[in-house]
Amino acid sequence: MAWDLEGITTLAKTQDGWSIEVEDHCLSISNDEGVDVFVYPGEQQLIAESLLFPQSSVRDIEALNALVMRTHQLVPLTTIGIKHIAGEDYYIAFGALSSDSKPSVVVEEIDTLFVNVGEFLDLYAEFLTHEEVSA
């Protein structure tokens, strides 16, 4: 079974503490702690991603990027990338899985991303401006 927005929406509605909105070609899922995950179904894979912080809030981009390259594999099932959104670059956390993944694997990926966003924010907080850390 290949996942589409309707199938992911149906699955997400079965999860306690998740709020769901369909936005264009993706699903926005928020947990009860206010972390947002965007799920994009494709023909061969699902992408689940969450914005971490804008690049403009980073004090030393080169040092942060070096730390990201050394540490992102320490946080399971999630990778760090940079995505250009509305004229600004953002650090994102994301995971990719097969579009044929079992429902339990899709839920695990999203749940893990919810947890890992906090891990990454803690790990990289020293590189962010005070405003981003307290947000």
N, C-alpha and C. Protein backbone atom coordinates (compact mmCIF):
# COMPACT_ATOMS: atom_id res chain seq x y z
N MET A 1 0.84 -1.18 0.00
CA MET A 1 0.00 0.00 0.00
C MET A 1 0.89 1.25 0.00
N ALA A 2 0.77 2.06 -1.01
CA ALA A 2 1.51 3.33 -1.04
C ALA A 2 0.68 4.38 -0.31
N TRP A 3 1.35 5.17 0.52
CA TRP A 3 0.68 6.19 1.32
C TRP A 3 0.33 7.41 0.48
N ASP A 4 -0.84 7.97 0.74
CA ASP A 4 -1.24 9.25 0.18
C ASP A 4 -1.75 10.11 1.34
N LEU A 5 -2.10 11.37 1.05
CA LEU A 5 -2.55 12.27 2.12
C LEU A 5 -3.75 11.73 2.88
N GLU A 6 -4.68 11.15 2.17
CA GLU A 6 -5.88 10.62 2.83
C GLU A 6 -5.53 9.50 3.80
N GLY A 7 -4.66 8.59 3.38
CA GLY A 7 -4.27 7.47 4.23
C GLY A 7 -3.48 7.93 5.46
N ILE A 8 -2.57 8.88 5.26
CA ILE A 8 -1.79 9.39 6.39
C ILE A 8 -2.70 10.15 7.36
N THR A 9 -3.65 10.90 6.81
CA THR A 9 -4.59 11.63 7.66
C THR A 9 -5.40 10.67 8.52
N THR A 10 -5.89 9.61 7.91
CA THR A 10 -6.66 8.60 8.64
C THR A 10 -5.82 7.97 9.75
N LEU A 11 -4.57 7.64 9.43
CA LEU A 11 -3.67 7.07 10.43
C LEU A 11 -3.39 8.07 11.55
N ALA A 12 -3.10 9.31 11.20
CA ALA A 12 -2.76 10.34 12.19
C ALA A 12 -3.92 10.60 13.15
N LYS A 13 -5.14 10.51 12.66
CA LYS A 13 -6.30 10.75 13.51
C LYS A 13 -6.46 9.71 14.61
N THR A 14 -5.79 8.57 14.47
CA THR A 14 -5.88 7.52 15.49
C THR A 14 -4.90 7.75 16.64
N GLN A 15 -4.04 8.75 16.52
CA GLN A 15 -2.99 8.98 17.52
C GLN A 15 -3.43 10.03 18.54
N ASP A 16 -3.33 9.68 19.80
CA ASP A 16 -3.66 10.62 20.88
C ASP A 16 -2.65 11.76 20.90
N GLY A 17 -3.15 12.98 21.08
CA GLY A 17 -2.29 14.14 21.23
C GLY A 17 -1.80 14.75 19.94
N TRP A 18 -2.23 14.23 18.79
CA TRP A 18 -1.84 14.78 17.51
C TRP A 18 -2.96 15.65 16.95
N SER A 19 -2.62 16.84 16.49
CA SER A 19 -3.55 17.70 15.77
C SER A 19 -3.14 17.69 14.30
N ILE A 20 -4.12 17.59 13.41
CA ILE A 20 -3.83 17.39 12.00
C ILE A 20 -4.47 18.46 11.14
N GLU A 21 -3.71 18.95 10.16
CA GLU A 21 -4.24 19.86 9.15
C GLU A 21 -3.66 19.46 7.80
N VAL A 22 -4.48 19.47 6.77
CA VAL A 22 -3.99 19.23 5.42
C VAL A 22 -3.64 20.58 4.82
N GLU A 23 -2.40 20.69 4.31
CA GLU A 23 -1.92 21.93 3.72
C GLU A 23 -1.34 21.62 2.35
N ASP A 24 -2.01 22.07 1.29
CA ASP A 24 -1.55 21.82 -0.08
C ASP A 24 -1.26 20.34 -0.28
N HIS A 25 0.01 19.99 -0.47
CA HIS A 25 0.39 18.61 -0.77
C HIS A 25 1.06 17.92 0.40
N CYS A 26 0.78 18.41 1.61
CA CYS A 26 1.38 17.79 2.78
C CYS A 26 0.39 17.78 3.94
N LEU A 27 0.78 17.06 4.96
CA LEU A 27 -0.02 16.99 6.17
C LEU A 27 0.79 17.63 7.29
N SER A 28 0.19 18.55 8.01
CA SER A 28 0.82 19.18 9.16
C SER A 28 0.29 18.50 10.42
N ILE A 29 1.20 17.94 11.19
CA ILE A 29 0.83 17.25 12.42
C ILE A 29 1.54 17.93 13.58
N SER A 30 0.79 18.31 14.61
CA SER A 30 1.35 18.93 15.81
C SER A 30 1.10 18.01 16.99
N ASN A 31 2.07 17.95 17.88
CA ASN A 31 1.85 17.16 19.09
C ASN A 31 1.39 18.10 20.21
N ASP A 32 1.13 17.53 21.37
CA ASP A 32 0.62 18.33 22.48
C ASP A 32 1.68 19.24 23.09
N GLU A 33 2.93 19.16 22.64
CA GLU A 33 3.99 20.05 23.09
C GLU A 33 4.25 21.18 22.09
N GLY A 34 3.46 21.23 21.01
CA GLY A 34 3.59 22.30 20.04
C GLY A 34 4.64 22.09 18.97
N VAL A 35 5.17 20.89 18.83
CA VAL A 35 6.12 20.59 17.77
C VAL A 35 5.33 20.24 16.52
N ASP A 36 5.71 20.84 15.40
CA ASP A 36 5.03 20.60 14.12
C ASP A 36 5.89 19.71 13.23
N VAL A 37 5.25 18.71 12.63
CA VAL A 37 5.89 17.84 11.65
C VAL A 37 5.06 17.91 10.38
N PHE A 38 5.75 18.08 9.26
CA PHE A 38 5.09 18.11 7.95
C PHE A 38 5.42 16.81 7.23
N VAL A 39 4.39 16.12 6.75
CA VAL A 39 4.57 14.83 6.09
C VAL A 39 4.19 14.99 4.63
N TYR A 40 5.13 14.63 3.76
CA TYR A 40 4.94 14.74 2.32
C TYR A 40 4.97 13.34 1.70
N PRO A 41 3.83 12.86 1.20
CA PRO A 41 3.84 11.55 0.55
C PRO A 41 4.31 11.67 -0.91
N GLY A 42 5.13 10.75 -1.34
CA GLY A 42 5.58 10.68 -2.72
C GLY A 42 5.34 9.29 -3.25
N GLU A 43 5.71 9.07 -4.49
CA GLU A 43 5.50 7.76 -5.10
C GLU A 43 6.33 6.67 -4.43
N GLN A 44 7.58 7.01 -4.05
CA GLN A 44 8.47 5.99 -3.50
C GLN A 44 8.83 6.20 -2.04
N GLN A 45 8.59 7.41 -1.51
CA GLN A 45 8.95 7.64 -0.13
C GLN A 45 8.06 8.68 0.53
N LEU A 46 8.04 8.62 1.85
CA LEU A 46 7.40 9.65 2.66
C LEU A 46 8.52 10.46 3.30
N ILE A 47 8.36 11.76 3.34
CA ILE A 47 9.30 12.63 4.03
C ILE A 47 8.54 13.26 5.20
N ALA A 48 9.13 13.18 6.38
CA ALA A 48 8.58 13.85 7.57
C ALA A 48 9.64 14.85 8.02
N GLU A 49 9.26 16.13 8.13
CA GLU A 49 10.25 17.14 8.50
C GLU A 49 9.66 18.15 9.46
N SER A 50 10.57 18.78 10.19
CA SER A 50 10.20 19.80 11.16
C SER A 50 11.22 20.92 11.09
N LEU A 51 10.75 22.16 11.13
CA LEU A 51 11.66 23.30 11.17
C LEU A 51 12.30 23.36 12.55
N LEU A 52 13.60 23.61 12.57
CA LEU A 52 14.31 23.78 13.83
C LEU A 52 14.49 25.25 14.15
N PHE A 53 15.16 26.00 13.26
CA PHE A 53 15.40 27.43 13.48
C PHE A 53 15.90 28.04 12.18
N PRO A 54 15.71 29.34 12.02
CA PRO A 54 16.23 30.01 10.82
C PRO A 54 17.75 30.13 10.90
N GLN A 55 18.39 30.05 9.77
CA GLN A 55 19.84 30.19 9.74
C GLN A 55 20.27 31.57 10.25
N SER A 56 19.40 32.55 10.08
CA SER A 56 19.73 33.91 10.53
C SER A 56 19.86 34.00 12.05
N SER A 57 19.37 33.01 12.78
CA SER A 57 19.48 33.02 14.24
C SER A 57 20.74 32.34 14.75
N VAL A 58 21.58 31.88 13.83
CA VAL A 58 22.80 31.17 14.21
C VAL A 58 23.96 32.15 14.32
N ARG A 59 24.66 32.12 15.44
CA ARG A 59 25.79 33.03 15.66
C ARG A 59 27.02 32.68 14.83
N ASP A 60 27.31 31.38 14.70
CA ASP A 60 28.49 30.93 13.96
C ASP A 60 28.08 29.74 13.09
N ILE A 61 27.69 30.04 11.86
CA ILE A 61 27.16 29.01 10.96
C ILE A 61 28.19 27.92 10.68
N GLU A 62 29.43 28.31 10.43
CA GLU A 62 30.47 27.33 10.12
C GLU A 62 30.68 26.36 11.29
N ALA A 63 30.73 26.87 12.49
CA ALA A 63 30.92 26.01 13.66
C ALA A 63 29.71 25.11 13.89
N LEU A 64 28.51 25.66 13.72
CA LEU A 64 27.31 24.83 13.89
C LEU A 64 27.29 23.73 12.83
N ASN A 65 27.56 24.07 11.59
CA ASN A 65 27.54 23.05 10.54
C ASN A 65 28.55 21.94 10.82
N ALA A 66 29.71 22.30 11.33
CA ALA A 66 30.71 21.29 11.68
C ALA A 66 30.19 20.39 12.80
N LEU A 67 29.54 20.98 13.79
CA LEU A 67 28.97 20.18 14.88
C LEU A 67 27.84 19.29 14.37
N VAL A 68 26.99 19.81 13.52
CA VAL A 68 25.90 19.01 12.95
C VAL A 68 26.47 17.79 12.23
N MET A 69 27.50 18.00 11.43
CA MET A 69 28.09 16.89 10.69
C MET A 69 28.69 15.83 11.62
N ARG A 70 29.15 16.24 12.79
CA ARG A 70 29.74 15.29 13.74
C ARG A 70 28.71 14.63 14.64
N THR A 71 27.52 15.20 14.77
CA THR A 71 26.61 14.71 15.80
C THR A 71 25.23 14.25 15.32
N HIS A 72 24.80 14.61 14.14
CA HIS A 72 23.41 14.30 13.78
C HIS A 72 23.12 12.80 13.79
N GLN A 73 24.11 11.96 13.55
CA GLN A 73 23.89 10.53 13.56
C GLN A 73 23.67 9.98 14.97
N LEU A 74 23.93 10.79 15.98
CA LEU A 74 23.72 10.36 17.36
C LEU A 74 22.25 10.37 17.76
N VAL A 75 21.42 11.04 16.98
CA VAL A 75 20.00 11.13 17.25
C VAL A 75 19.29 10.20 16.26
N PRO A 76 18.65 9.13 16.75
CA PRO A 76 18.17 8.07 15.86
C PRO A 76 17.07 8.50 14.89
N LEU A 77 17.15 7.95 13.70
CA LEU A 77 16.14 8.05 12.64
C LEU A 77 15.94 9.45 12.06
N THR A 78 16.77 10.41 12.42
CA THR A 78 16.55 11.78 11.97
C THR A 78 17.85 12.39 11.47
N THR A 79 17.74 13.18 10.42
CA THR A 79 18.88 13.87 9.84
C THR A 79 18.60 15.36 9.84
N ILE A 80 19.65 16.16 9.71
CA ILE A 80 19.53 17.61 9.66
C ILE A 80 19.81 18.07 8.23
N GLY A 81 19.04 19.05 7.78
CA GLY A 81 19.27 19.65 6.48
C GLY A 81 18.97 21.14 6.55
N ILE A 82 19.14 21.81 5.44
CA ILE A 82 18.79 23.22 5.31
C ILE A 82 17.81 23.34 4.17
N LYS A 83 16.73 24.07 4.40
CA LYS A 83 15.68 24.23 3.39
C LYS A 83 15.37 25.72 3.24
N HIS A 84 15.22 26.15 2.01
CA HIS A 84 14.91 27.55 1.70
C HIS A 84 13.39 27.72 1.69
N ILE A 85 12.87 28.56 2.58
CA ILE A 85 11.43 28.77 2.72
C ILE A 85 11.16 30.26 2.77
N ALA A 86 10.32 30.74 1.89
CA ALA A 86 9.89 32.14 1.87
C ALA A 86 11.08 33.11 1.97
N GLY A 87 12.11 32.83 1.20
CA GLY A 87 13.23 33.74 1.14
C GLY A 87 14.27 33.60 2.24
N GLU A 88 14.12 32.58 3.10
CA GLU A 88 15.07 32.40 4.20
C GLU A 88 15.45 30.93 4.32
N ASP A 89 16.70 30.68 4.72
CA ASP A 89 17.16 29.32 4.95
C ASP A 89 16.86 28.91 6.39
N TYR A 90 16.37 27.68 6.54
CA TYR A 90 16.05 27.11 7.85
C TYR A 90 16.76 25.78 8.02
N TYR A 91 17.23 25.52 9.22
CA TYR A 91 17.68 24.19 9.57
C TYR A 91 16.42 23.36 9.82
N ILE A 92 16.41 22.16 9.27
CA ILE A 92 15.27 21.26 9.46
C ILE A 92 15.77 19.91 9.96
N ALA A 93 14.91 19.22 10.66
CA ALA A 93 15.14 17.83 11.02
C ALA A 93 14.18 17.02 10.17
N PHE A 94 14.67 15.90 9.61
CA PHE A 94 13.78 15.13 8.75
C PHE A 94 14.13 13.65 8.76
N GLY A 95 13.14 12.88 8.37
CA GLY A 95 13.31 11.45 8.18
C GLY A 95 12.61 11.05 6.90
N ALA A 96 13.11 10.01 6.26
CA ALA A 96 12.51 9.50 5.03
C ALA A 96 12.26 8.01 5.20
N LEU A 97 11.14 7.56 4.69
CA LEU A 97 10.83 6.14 4.75
C LEU A 97 10.07 5.74 3.50
N SER A 98 10.02 4.48 3.25
CA SER A 98 9.37 3.95 2.06
C SER A 98 7.88 4.29 2.07
N SER A 99 7.36 4.56 0.89
CA SER A 99 5.92 4.81 0.80
C SER A 99 5.12 3.54 1.03
N ASP A 100 5.80 2.40 1.10
CA ASP A 100 5.15 1.13 1.40
C ASP A 100 5.32 0.72 2.87
N SER A 101 5.79 1.64 3.70
CA SER A 101 6.01 1.33 5.11
C SER A 101 4.71 0.97 5.82
N LYS A 102 4.85 0.12 6.81
CA LYS A 102 3.70 -0.28 7.64
C LYS A 102 3.24 0.92 8.46
N PRO A 103 1.97 0.95 8.84
CA PRO A 103 1.45 2.06 9.66
C PRO A 103 2.27 2.29 10.93
N SER A 104 2.69 1.23 11.59
CA SER A 104 3.45 1.38 12.83
C SER A 104 4.79 2.08 12.58
N VAL A 105 5.38 1.86 11.42
CA VAL A 105 6.66 2.50 11.08
C VAL A 105 6.45 3.99 10.81
N VAL A 106 5.35 4.33 10.16
CA VAL A 106 5.04 5.75 9.89
C VAL A 106 4.83 6.48 11.21
N VAL A 107 4.07 5.89 12.12
CA VAL A 107 3.83 6.51 13.43
C VAL A 107 5.15 6.63 14.20
N GLU A 108 5.97 5.60 14.17
CA GLU A 108 7.26 5.65 14.86
C GLU A 108 8.13 6.78 14.31
N GLU A 109 8.15 6.95 13.00
CA GLU A 109 8.96 8.02 12.39
C GLU A 109 8.51 9.39 12.87
N ILE A 110 7.21 9.62 12.90
CA ILE A 110 6.68 10.92 13.32
C ILE A 110 6.92 11.13 14.82
N ASP A 111 6.63 10.11 15.63
CA ASP A 111 6.87 10.21 17.08
C ASP A 111 8.35 10.48 17.37
N THR A 112 9.22 9.79 16.66
CA THR A 112 10.66 9.97 16.87
C THR A 112 11.08 11.39 16.49
N LEU A 113 10.53 11.90 15.41
CA LEU A 113 10.86 13.27 15.00
C LEU A 113 10.40 14.27 16.06
N PHE A 114 9.21 14.07 16.64
CA PHE A 114 8.74 14.94 17.72
C PHE A 114 9.78 15.00 18.85
N VAL A 115 10.30 13.86 19.26
CA VAL A 115 11.28 13.79 20.34
C VAL A 115 12.61 14.39 19.91
N ASN A 116 13.05 14.05 18.70
CA ASN A 116 14.37 14.47 18.25
C ASN A 116 14.48 15.97 18.01
N VAL A 117 13.40 16.64 17.70
CA VAL A 117 13.45 18.10 17.55
C VAL A 117 13.97 18.72 18.83
N GLY A 118 13.44 18.31 19.96
CA GLY A 118 13.90 18.83 21.25
C GLY A 118 15.36 18.48 21.51
N GLU A 119 15.77 17.27 21.14
CA GLU A 119 17.17 16.85 21.31
C GLU A 119 18.10 17.75 20.50
N PHE A 120 17.73 18.01 19.23
CA PHE A 120 18.57 18.86 18.39
C PHE A 120 18.62 20.29 18.92
N LEU A 121 17.48 20.81 19.35
CA LEU A 121 17.47 22.19 19.86
C LEU A 121 18.37 22.31 21.09
N ASP A 122 18.33 21.32 21.97
CA ASP A 122 19.22 21.32 23.15
C ASP A 122 20.69 21.21 22.72
N LEU A 123 20.95 20.31 21.78
CA LEU A 123 22.32 20.05 21.34
C LEU A 123 22.96 21.26 20.68
N TYR A 124 22.16 22.04 19.95
CA TYR A 124 22.71 23.16 19.17
C TYR A 124 22.40 24.53 19.77
N ALA A 125 21.81 24.57 20.96
CA ALA A 125 21.38 25.83 21.57
C ALA A 125 22.50 26.84 21.74
N GLU A 126 23.70 26.40 22.04
CA GLU A 126 24.81 27.33 22.27
C GLU A 126 25.14 28.16 21.03
N PHE A 127 24.69 27.74 19.85
CA PHE A 127 24.98 28.46 18.61
C PHE A 127 23.87 29.43 18.22
N LEU A 128 22.78 29.44 18.99
CA LEU A 128 21.63 30.26 18.62
C LEU A 128 21.58 31.54 19.43
N THR A 129 20.96 32.55 18.83
CA THR A 129 20.75 33.80 19.56
C THR A 129 19.81 33.54 20.73
N HIS A 130 19.86 34.38 21.72
CA HIS A 130 19.04 34.21 22.92
C HIS A 130 17.55 34.11 22.58
N GLU A 131 17.10 34.88 21.60
CA GLU A 131 15.67 34.88 21.25
C GLU A 131 15.23 33.50 20.78
N GLU A 132 16.04 32.81 19.99
CA GLU A 132 15.68 31.49 19.49
C GLU A 132 15.67 30.45 20.60
N VAL A 133 16.61 30.52 21.50
CA VAL A 133 16.70 29.55 22.58
C VAL A 133 15.51 29.64 23.49
N SER A 134 15.04 30.85 23.74
CA SER A 134 13.91 31.00 24.68
C SER A 134 12.55 30.82 24.00
N ALA A 135 12.53 30.68 22.68
CA ALA A 135 11.26 30.54 21.95
C ALA A 135 10.65 29.19 22.17
